[in-house]
């Protein structure tokens, strides 16, 4: 689909993608950072290309990236929650 609702463009999508890369890298410390970044960006762009509505593309990206990295043999580490 070539036309989107523009939601992702209301904010700074580059900042949002970098944040996603950081979050995924924390959860996959054994995966090379460059690979994580490439998977995040490729997945986001693929989902965006097929989206009729952009609203949830970024949130769907993380789920798909996690699946792909697990399929590639990397171990998912759950985030450590502080006990404040």
C-alpha atoms as a PDB file:
ATOM      1  CA  UNK A   1       0.000   0.000   0.000  1.00  0.00           C
ATOM      2  CA  UNK A   2       1.450   3.344  -0.931  1.00  0.00           C
ATOM      3  CA  UNK A   3      -0.719   5.688   1.145  1.00  0.00           C
ATOM      4  CA  UNK A   4      -0.595   5.705   4.921  1.00  0.00           C
ATOM      5  CA  UNK A   5      -2.441   7.684   7.563  1.00  0.00           C
ATOM      6  CA  UNK A   6       0.743   9.533   8.522  1.00  0.00           C
ATOM      7  CA  UNK A   7       0.640   8.699  12.236  1.00  0.00           C
ATOM      8  CA  UNK A   8       4.240   7.518  12.394  1.00  0.00           C
ATOM      9  CA  UNK A   9       5.354  10.776  10.851  1.00  0.00           C
ATOM     10  CA  UNK A  10       3.761  12.929  13.557  1.00  0.00           C
ATOM     11  CA  UNK A  11       6.638  12.104  15.885  1.00  0.00           C
ATOM     12  CA  UNK A  12      10.292  11.459  15.375  1.00  0.00           C
ATOM     13  CA  UNK A  13      10.293   7.956  13.955  1.00  0.00           C
ATOM     14  CA  UNK A  14      14.091   7.820  13.846  1.00  0.00           C
ATOM     15  CA  UNK A  15      14.245   8.372  17.608  1.00  0.00           C
ATOM     16  CA  UNK A  16      11.552   5.752  18.121  1.00  0.00           C
ATOM     17  CA  UNK A  17      13.428   3.214  15.998  1.00  0.00           C
ATOM     18  CA  UNK A  18      16.672   3.841  17.885  1.00  0.00           C
ATOM     19  CA  UNK A  19      14.791   3.265  21.141  1.00  0.00           C
ATOM     20  CA  UNK A  20      13.432  -0.012  19.802  1.00  0.00           C
ATOM     21  CA  UNK A  21      16.936  -1.072  18.786  1.00  0.00           C
ATOM     22  CA  UNK A  22      18.193  -0.281  22.309  1.00  0.00           C
ATOM     23  CA  UNK A  23      15.363  -2.224  23.947  1.00  0.00           C
ATOM     24  CA  UNK A  24      15.858  -5.263  21.720  1.00  0.00           C
ATOM     25  CA  UNK A  25      19.644  -5.168  22.218  1.00  0.00           C
ATOM     26  CA  UNK A  26      19.105  -5.298  25.991  1.00  0.00           C
ATOM     27  CA  UNK A  27      16.938  -8.377  25.555  1.00  0.00           C
ATOM     28  CA  UNK A  28      19.376 -10.057  23.160  1.00  0.00           C
ATOM     29  CA  UNK A  29      22.835  -9.207  24.529  1.00  0.00           C
ATOM     30  CA  UNK A  30      24.416 -12.073  22.564  1.00  0.00           C
ATOM     31  CA  UNK A  31      23.162 -10.741  19.206  1.00  0.00           C
ATOM     32  CA  UNK A  32      25.438  -8.351  17.302  1.00  0.00           C
ATOM     33  CA  UNK A  33      24.173  -4.783  17.597  1.00  0.00           C
ATOM     34  CA  UNK A  34      24.387  -4.154  13.868  1.00  0.00           C
ATOM     35  CA  UNK A  35      22.266  -7.232  13.179  1.00  0.00           C
ATOM     36  CA  UNK A  36      19.641  -6.148  15.705  1.00  0.00           C
ATOM     37  CA  UNK A  37      19.471  -2.689  14.171  1.00  0.00           C
ATOM     38  CA  UNK A  38      19.128  -4.102  10.659  1.00  0.00           C
ATOM     39  CA  UNK A  39      16.371  -6.515  11.705  1.00  0.00           C
ATOM     40  CA  UNK A  40      14.462  -3.735  13.490  1.00  0.00           C
ATOM     41  CA  UNK A  41      14.677  -1.372  10.530  1.00  0.00           C
ATOM     42  CA  UNK A  42      13.912  -4.026   7.916  1.00  0.00           C
ATOM     43  CA  UNK A  43      10.961  -5.349   9.915  1.00  0.00           C
ATOM     44  CA  UNK A  44       9.543  -1.873  10.523  1.00  0.00           C
ATOM     45  CA  UNK A  45       9.825  -0.985   6.824  1.00  0.00           C
ATOM     46  CA  UNK A  46       8.271  -4.279   5.735  1.00  0.00           C
ATOM     47  CA  UNK A  47       5.331  -3.825   8.092  1.00  0.00           C
ATOM     48  CA  UNK A  48       4.945  -0.197   7.032  1.00  0.00           C
ATOM     49  CA  UNK A  49       4.914  -1.165   3.363  1.00  0.00           C
ATOM     50  CA  UNK A  50       1.929  -3.448   3.963  1.00  0.00           C
ATOM     51  CA  UNK A  51       0.070  -1.349   6.527  1.00  0.00           C
ATOM     52  CA  UNK A  52      -3.204   0.345   5.791  1.00  0.00           C
ATOM     53  CA  UNK A  53      -2.953   2.180   9.109  1.00  0.00           C
ATOM     54  CA  UNK A  54       0.401   3.082  10.646  1.00  0.00           C
ATOM     55  CA  UNK A  55      -0.765   3.427  14.245  1.00  0.00           C
ATOM     56  CA  UNK A  56       0.526   0.090  15.528  1.00  0.00           C
ATOM     57  CA  UNK A  57       3.391  -0.612  13.133  1.00  0.00           C
ATOM     58  CA  UNK A  58       6.106   0.303  15.627  1.00  0.00           C
ATOM     59  CA  UNK A  59       4.610  -1.836  18.414  1.00  0.00           C
ATOM     60  CA  UNK A  60       4.216  -4.793  16.042  1.00  0.00           C
ATOM     61  CA  UNK A  61       7.829  -4.403  14.991  1.00  0.00           C
ATOM     62  CA  UNK A  62       9.270  -5.422  18.372  1.00  0.00           C
ATOM     63  CA  UNK A  63       7.208  -8.612  18.514  1.00  0.00           C
ATOM     64  CA  UNK A  64       8.281  -9.639  15.012  1.00  0.00           C
ATOM     65  CA  UNK A  65      11.930  -8.789  15.687  1.00  0.00           C
ATOM     66  CA  UNK A  66      11.940 -10.889  18.857  1.00  0.00           C
ATOM     67  CA  UNK A  67      10.498 -13.830  16.912  1.00  0.00           C
ATOM     68  CA  UNK A  68      13.114 -13.456  14.180  1.00  0.00           C
ATOM     69  CA  UNK A  69      16.047 -13.254  16.581  1.00  0.00           C
ATOM     70  CA  UNK A  70      14.857 -16.315  18.503  1.00  0.00           C
ATOM     71  CA  UNK A  71      14.521 -18.167  15.178  1.00  0.00           C
ATOM     72  CA  UNK A  72      18.127 -17.181  14.424  1.00  0.00           C
ATOM     73  CA  UNK A  73      19.199 -18.892  17.643  1.00  0.00           C
ATOM     74  CA  UNK A  74      19.690 -15.920  19.955  1.00  0.00           C
ATOM     75  CA  UNK A  75      18.523 -16.157  23.561  1.00  0.00           C
ATOM     76  CA  UNK A  76      15.846 -13.769  24.806  1.00  0.00           C
ATOM     77  CA  UNK A  77      16.666 -12.278  28.206  1.00  0.00           C
ATOM     78  CA  UNK A  78      13.690 -10.868  30.051  1.00  0.00           C
ATOM     79  CA  UNK A  79      14.162  -7.337  31.395  1.00  0.00           C
ATOM     80  CA  UNK A  80      15.166  -7.082  35.050  1.00  0.00           C
ATOM     81  CA  UNK A  81      12.589  -5.194  37.050  1.00  0.00           C
ATOM     82  CA  UNK A  82      13.845  -3.073  39.916  1.00  0.00           C
ATOM     83  CA  UNK A  83      12.376  -3.643  43.350  1.00  0.00           C
ATOM     84  CA  UNK A  84      12.051   0.028  44.317  1.00  0.00           C
END
